[in-house]
């Protein structure tokens, strides 16, 4: 349950990955097992949803499968050239007009188109590879899990 207070209500525990004693929480252990941690002999772990968004388990049309207890995603990401759509960078270079023929002296003026030869130019490097956050607007609240109450039926 998502809870707006700053504590877990009575009969609930925070989903912060804490270990629980199996002896005191047998019903909850029978549901969770060691999917979220613990040794399965004396302890088991609660889900850790701090800084995470829950996602449905299974596989939707066109989506990758997600297994029970699977963790994924990153808080930040960086782009590489492979993530970008195809594009070109147009180099900028001064335009030069070359006059003269044969062994004559050559005069060079700027501002005109290059007449003959190969234009030379370069593009400048851009970016620095820093990671950036890729999350929608959010509001921090506590996720809680019931430790007491009606045991859920499996059918």
C-alpha atoms as a PDB file:
ATOM      1  CA  UNK A   1       0.000   0.000   0.000  1.00  0.00           C
ATOM      2  CA  UNK A   2       1.220   3.506  -0.739  1.00  0.00           C
ATOM      3  CA  UNK A   3       1.134   5.557   2.466  1.00  0.00           C
ATOM      4  CA  UNK A   4       1.457   9.334   2.868  1.00  0.00           C
ATOM      5  CA  UNK A   5       2.678   9.269   6.489  1.00  0.00           C
ATOM      6  CA  UNK A   6       6.288   8.980   7.620  1.00  0.00           C
ATOM      7  CA  UNK A   7       5.871   5.589   9.342  1.00  0.00           C
ATOM      8  CA  UNK A   8       4.316   2.201   8.653  1.00  0.00           C
ATOM      9  CA  UNK A   9       0.833   1.822  10.168  1.00  0.00           C
ATOM     10  CA  UNK A  10       0.227  -0.933  12.743  1.00  0.00           C
ATOM     11  CA  UNK A  11       0.133  -4.339  11.043  1.00  0.00           C
ATOM     12  CA  UNK A  12       2.245  -3.070   8.138  1.00  0.00           C
ATOM     13  CA  UNK A  13       5.990  -2.795   7.444  1.00  0.00           C
ATOM     14  CA  UNK A  14       7.921  -0.436   5.196  1.00  0.00           C
ATOM     15  CA  UNK A  15       9.026  -1.885   1.868  1.00  0.00           C
ATOM     16  CA  UNK A  16      12.640  -0.917   2.506  1.00  0.00           C
ATOM     17  CA  UNK A  17      14.372  -4.270   2.098  1.00  0.00           C
ATOM     18  CA  UNK A  18      14.594  -5.030   5.803  1.00  0.00           C
ATOM     19  CA  UNK A  19      15.049  -8.620   6.926  1.00  0.00           C
ATOM     20  CA  UNK A  20      12.287 -10.255   8.949  1.00  0.00           C
ATOM     21  CA  UNK A  21      12.436 -13.266  11.251  1.00  0.00           C
ATOM     22  CA  UNK A  22      10.581 -16.202   9.713  1.00  0.00           C
ATOM     23  CA  UNK A  23       9.521 -17.430  13.172  1.00  0.00           C
ATOM     24  CA  UNK A  24       7.578 -14.197  13.827  1.00  0.00           C
ATOM     25  CA  UNK A  25       6.222 -13.771  10.267  1.00  0.00           C
ATOM     26  CA  UNK A  26       5.477 -17.277   8.957  1.00  0.00           C
ATOM     27  CA  UNK A  27       2.398 -16.275   6.944  1.00  0.00           C
ATOM     28  CA  UNK A  28       4.199 -13.464   5.125  1.00  0.00           C
ATOM     29  CA  UNK A  29       7.245 -15.684   4.535  1.00  0.00           C
ATOM     30  CA  UNK A  30       4.973 -18.306   2.951  1.00  0.00           C
ATOM     31  CA  UNK A  31       3.950 -15.656   0.395  1.00  0.00           C
ATOM     32  CA  UNK A  32       7.302 -13.960  -0.264  1.00  0.00           C
ATOM     33  CA  UNK A  33       9.874 -16.697   0.334  1.00  0.00           C
ATOM     34  CA  UNK A  34      13.346 -15.362  -0.384  1.00  0.00           C
ATOM     35  CA  UNK A  35      12.392 -13.435  -3.542  1.00  0.00           C
ATOM     36  CA  UNK A  36      13.578 -10.224  -1.856  1.00  0.00           C
ATOM     37  CA  UNK A  37      16.466 -11.577   0.211  1.00  0.00           C
ATOM     38  CA  UNK A  38      17.138 -13.485   3.398  1.00  0.00           C
ATOM     39  CA  UNK A  39      18.593 -16.928   3.978  1.00  0.00           C
ATOM     40  CA  UNK A  40      15.264 -18.819   3.926  1.00  0.00           C
ATOM     41  CA  UNK A  41      16.133 -20.588   7.208  1.00  0.00           C
ATOM     42  CA  UNK A  42      15.751 -17.828   9.792  1.00  0.00           C
ATOM     43  CA  UNK A  43      15.174 -14.659   7.743  1.00  0.00           C
ATOM     44  CA  UNK A  44      13.464 -13.364   4.625  1.00  0.00           C
ATOM     45  CA  UNK A  45      13.561  -9.925   3.013  1.00  0.00           C
ATOM     46  CA  UNK A  46      10.799  -7.453   2.335  1.00  0.00           C
ATOM     47  CA  UNK A  47      10.664  -5.760  -1.066  1.00  0.00           C
ATOM     48  CA  UNK A  48      12.867  -2.658  -1.277  1.00  0.00           C
ATOM     49  CA  UNK A  49      10.943   0.059  -3.099  1.00  0.00           C
ATOM     50  CA  UNK A  50      13.070   2.993  -1.903  1.00  0.00           C
ATOM     51  CA  UNK A  51      13.642   5.135  -4.978  1.00  0.00           C
ATOM     52  CA  UNK A  52      11.972   2.542  -7.220  1.00  0.00           C
ATOM     53  CA  UNK A  53       8.679   2.239  -9.047  1.00  0.00           C
ATOM     54  CA  UNK A  54       6.836  -1.081  -8.919  1.00  0.00           C
ATOM     55  CA  UNK A  55       6.083  -2.747 -12.238  1.00  0.00           C
ATOM     56  CA  UNK A  56       3.747  -5.589 -13.080  1.00  0.00           C
ATOM     57  CA  UNK A  57       5.290  -9.043 -13.315  1.00  0.00           C
ATOM     58  CA  UNK A  58       4.873 -10.951 -16.587  1.00  0.00           C
ATOM     59  CA  UNK A  59       5.128 -10.002 -20.230  1.00  0.00           C
ATOM     60  CA  UNK A  60       2.842  -7.649 -22.102  1.00  0.00           C
ATOM     61  CA  UNK A  61       2.541  -7.519 -25.905  1.00  0.00           C
ATOM     62  CA  UNK A  62       5.795  -6.225 -27.366  1.00  0.00           C
ATOM     63  CA  UNK A  63       7.457  -5.936 -23.939  1.00  0.00           C
ATOM     64  CA  UNK A  64      10.333  -7.811 -22.337  1.00  0.00           C
ATOM     65  CA  UNK A  65       9.370 -10.308 -19.616  1.00  0.00           C
ATOM     66  CA  UNK A  66       9.685  -9.248 -15.971  1.00  0.00           C
ATOM     67  CA  UNK A  67      10.043 -11.989 -13.368  1.00  0.00           C
ATOM     68  CA  UNK A  68       8.848 -11.900  -9.758  1.00  0.00           C
ATOM     69  CA  UNK A  69      11.367 -10.004  -7.611  1.00  0.00           C
ATOM     70  CA  UNK A  70      13.408  -8.859 -10.632  1.00  0.00           C
ATOM     71  CA  UNK A  71      15.150  -5.499 -10.245  1.00  0.00           C
ATOM     72  CA  UNK A  72      15.990  -3.306 -13.205  1.00  0.00           C
ATOM     73  CA  UNK A  73      16.589   0.179 -14.474  1.00  0.00           C
ATOM     74  CA  UNK A  74      19.077   2.883 -13.564  1.00  0.00           C
ATOM     75  CA  UNK A  75      18.654   6.192 -11.797  1.00  0.00           C
ATOM     76  CA  UNK A  76      20.654   7.958 -14.509  1.00  0.00           C
ATOM     77  CA  UNK A  77      21.521   7.146 -18.088  1.00  0.00           C
ATOM     78  CA  UNK A  78      23.967   8.384 -20.706  1.00  0.00           C
ATOM     79  CA  UNK A  79      23.462   8.512 -24.438  1.00  0.00           C
ATOM     80  CA  UNK A  80      25.895   7.098 -26.957  1.00  0.00           C
ATOM     81  CA  UNK A  81      26.010   7.554 -30.707  1.00  0.00           C
ATOM     82  CA  UNK A  82      24.044   4.282 -30.996  1.00  0.00           C
ATOM     83  CA  UNK A  83      21.101   5.929 -29.157  1.00  0.00           C
ATOM     84  CA  UNK A  84      20.876   8.863 -31.556  1.00  0.00           C
ATOM     85  CA  UNK A  85      18.991   8.972 -34.845  1.00  0.00           C
ATOM     86  CA  UNK A  86      21.051   9.202 -38.047  1.00  0.00           C
ATOM     87  CA  UNK A  87      22.150  12.777 -38.666  1.00  0.00           C
ATOM     88  CA  UNK A  88      24.979  14.839 -40.174  1.00  0.00           C
ATOM     89  CA  UNK A  89      27.043  17.729 -38.963  1.00  0.00           C
ATOM     90  CA  UNK A  90      27.832  20.375 -41.579  1.00  0.00           C
ATOM     91  CA  UNK A  91      31.374  21.655 -41.203  1.00  0.00           C
ATOM     92  CA  UNK A  92      32.036  25.363 -41.226  1.00  0.00           C
ATOM     93  CA  UNK A  93      35.178  26.714 -42.850  1.00  0.00           C
ATOM     94  CA  UNK A  94      36.236  30.062 -44.296  1.00  0.00           C
ATOM     95  CA  UNK A  95      35.538  30.344 -48.000  1.00  0.00           C
ATOM     96  CA  UNK A  96      38.581  31.048 -50.163  1.00  0.00           C
ATOM     97  CA  UNK A  97      38.854  31.972 -53.840  1.00  0.00           C
ATOM     98  CA  UNK A  98      42.115  31.094 -55.553  1.00  0.00           C
ATOM     99  CA  UNK A  99      43.130  33.007 -58.707  1.00  0.00           C
ATOM    100  CA  UNK A 100      45.898  32.286 -61.117  1.00  0.00           C
ATOM    101  CA  UNK A 101      46.974  29.642 -63.574  1.00  0.00           C
ATOM    102  CA  UNK A 102      50.099  27.642 -64.268  1.00  0.00           C
ATOM    103  CA  UNK A 103      53.265  29.135 -62.829  1.00  0.00           C
ATOM    104  CA  UNK A 104      51.679  32.526 -62.247  1.00  0.00           C
ATOM    105  CA  UNK A 105      51.634  34.008 -58.788  1.00  0.00           C
ATOM    106  CA  UNK A 106      48.511  33.076 -56.867  1.00  0.00           C
ATOM    107  CA  UNK A 107      46.448  35.702 -55.072  1.00  0.00           C
ATOM    108  CA  UNK A 108      44.135  34.557 -52.286  1.00  0.00           C
ATOM    109  CA  UNK A 109      40.990  36.398 -51.224  1.00  0.00           C
ATOM    110  CA  UNK A 110      38.378  35.379 -48.676  1.00  0.00           C
ATOM    111  CA  UNK A 111      34.622  35.407 -48.915  1.00  0.00           C
ATOM    112  CA  UNK A 112      34.119  33.558 -52.200  1.00  0.00           C
ATOM    113  CA  UNK A 113      33.513  29.949 -53.131  1.00  0.00           C
ATOM    114  CA  UNK A 114      36.408  27.520 -53.416  1.00  0.00           C
ATOM    115  CA  UNK A 115      37.347  27.159 -57.056  1.00  0.00           C
ATOM    116  CA  UNK A 116      39.088  23.831 -57.525  1.00  0.00           C
ATOM    117  CA  UNK A 117      40.771  21.740 -54.866  1.00  0.00           C
ATOM    118  CA  UNK A 118      39.159  19.998 -51.943  1.00  0.00           C
ATOM    119  CA  UNK A 119      37.342  22.036 -49.304  1.00  0.00           C
ATOM    120  CA  UNK A 120      38.638  21.347 -45.819  1.00  0.00           C
ATOM    121  CA  UNK A 121      36.557  21.839 -42.692  1.00  0.00           C
ATOM    122  CA  UNK A 122      35.862  20.313 -39.325  1.00  0.00           C
ATOM    123  CA  UNK A 123      33.120  20.049 -36.761  1.00  0.00           C
ATOM    124  CA  UNK A 124      33.643  20.722 -33.111  1.00  0.00           C
ATOM    125  CA  UNK A 125      33.126  18.135 -30.405  1.00  0.00           C
ATOM    126  CA  UNK A 126      29.900  18.430 -28.421  1.00  0.00           C
ATOM    127  CA  UNK A 127      28.710  17.000 -25.119  1.00  0.00           C
ATOM    128  CA  UNK A 128      30.602  15.539 -22.181  1.00  0.00           C
ATOM    129  CA  UNK A 129      29.002  12.122 -21.565  1.00  0.00           C
ATOM    130  CA  UNK A 130      27.513  13.001 -18.180  1.00  0.00           C
ATOM    131  CA  UNK A 131      24.558  10.941 -16.983  1.00  0.00           C
ATOM    132  CA  UNK A 132      21.114  12.508 -16.682  1.00  0.00           C
ATOM    133  CA  UNK A 133      17.939  11.616 -14.845  1.00  0.00           C
ATOM    134  CA  UNK A 134      15.218  10.014 -16.923  1.00  0.00           C
ATOM    135  CA  UNK A 135      12.211   9.950 -14.607  1.00  0.00           C
ATOM    136  CA  UNK A 136       8.823  11.634 -14.731  1.00  0.00           C
ATOM    137  CA  UNK A 137       7.736  14.090 -12.035  1.00  0.00           C
ATOM    138  CA  UNK A 138       7.450  12.279  -8.704  1.00  0.00           C
ATOM    139  CA  UNK A 139       6.295  12.549  -5.105  1.00  0.00           C
ATOM    140  CA  UNK A 140       8.108  10.617  -2.389  1.00  0.00           C
ATOM    141  CA  UNK A 141       5.853   8.415  -0.260  1.00  0.00           C
ATOM    142  CA  UNK A 142       6.221   5.134   1.638  1.00  0.00           C
ATOM    143  CA  UNK A 143       5.320   1.744   0.212  1.00  0.00           C
ATOM    144  CA  UNK A 144       4.104  -0.620   2.929  1.00  0.00           C
ATOM    145  CA  UNK A 145       3.330  -4.338   3.027  1.00  0.00           C
ATOM    146  CA  UNK A 146       0.780  -5.983   5.335  1.00  0.00           C
ATOM    147  CA  UNK A 147       2.283  -8.163   8.071  1.00  0.00           C
ATOM    148  CA  UNK A 148      -1.067  -8.986   9.717  1.00  0.00           C
ATOM    149  CA  UNK A 149      -4.599  -9.493   8.524  1.00  0.00           C
ATOM    150  CA  UNK A 150      -6.524 -11.897   6.330  1.00  0.00           C
ATOM    151  CA  UNK A 151      -4.282 -14.426   4.605  1.00  0.00           C
ATOM    152  CA  UNK A 152      -4.844 -14.153   0.826  1.00  0.00           C
ATOM    153  CA  UNK A 153      -6.396 -17.166  -0.875  1.00  0.00           C
ATOM    154  CA  UNK A 154      -4.438 -18.669  -3.780  1.00  0.00           C
ATOM    155  CA  UNK A 155      -7.607 -19.476  -5.752  1.00  0.00           C
END
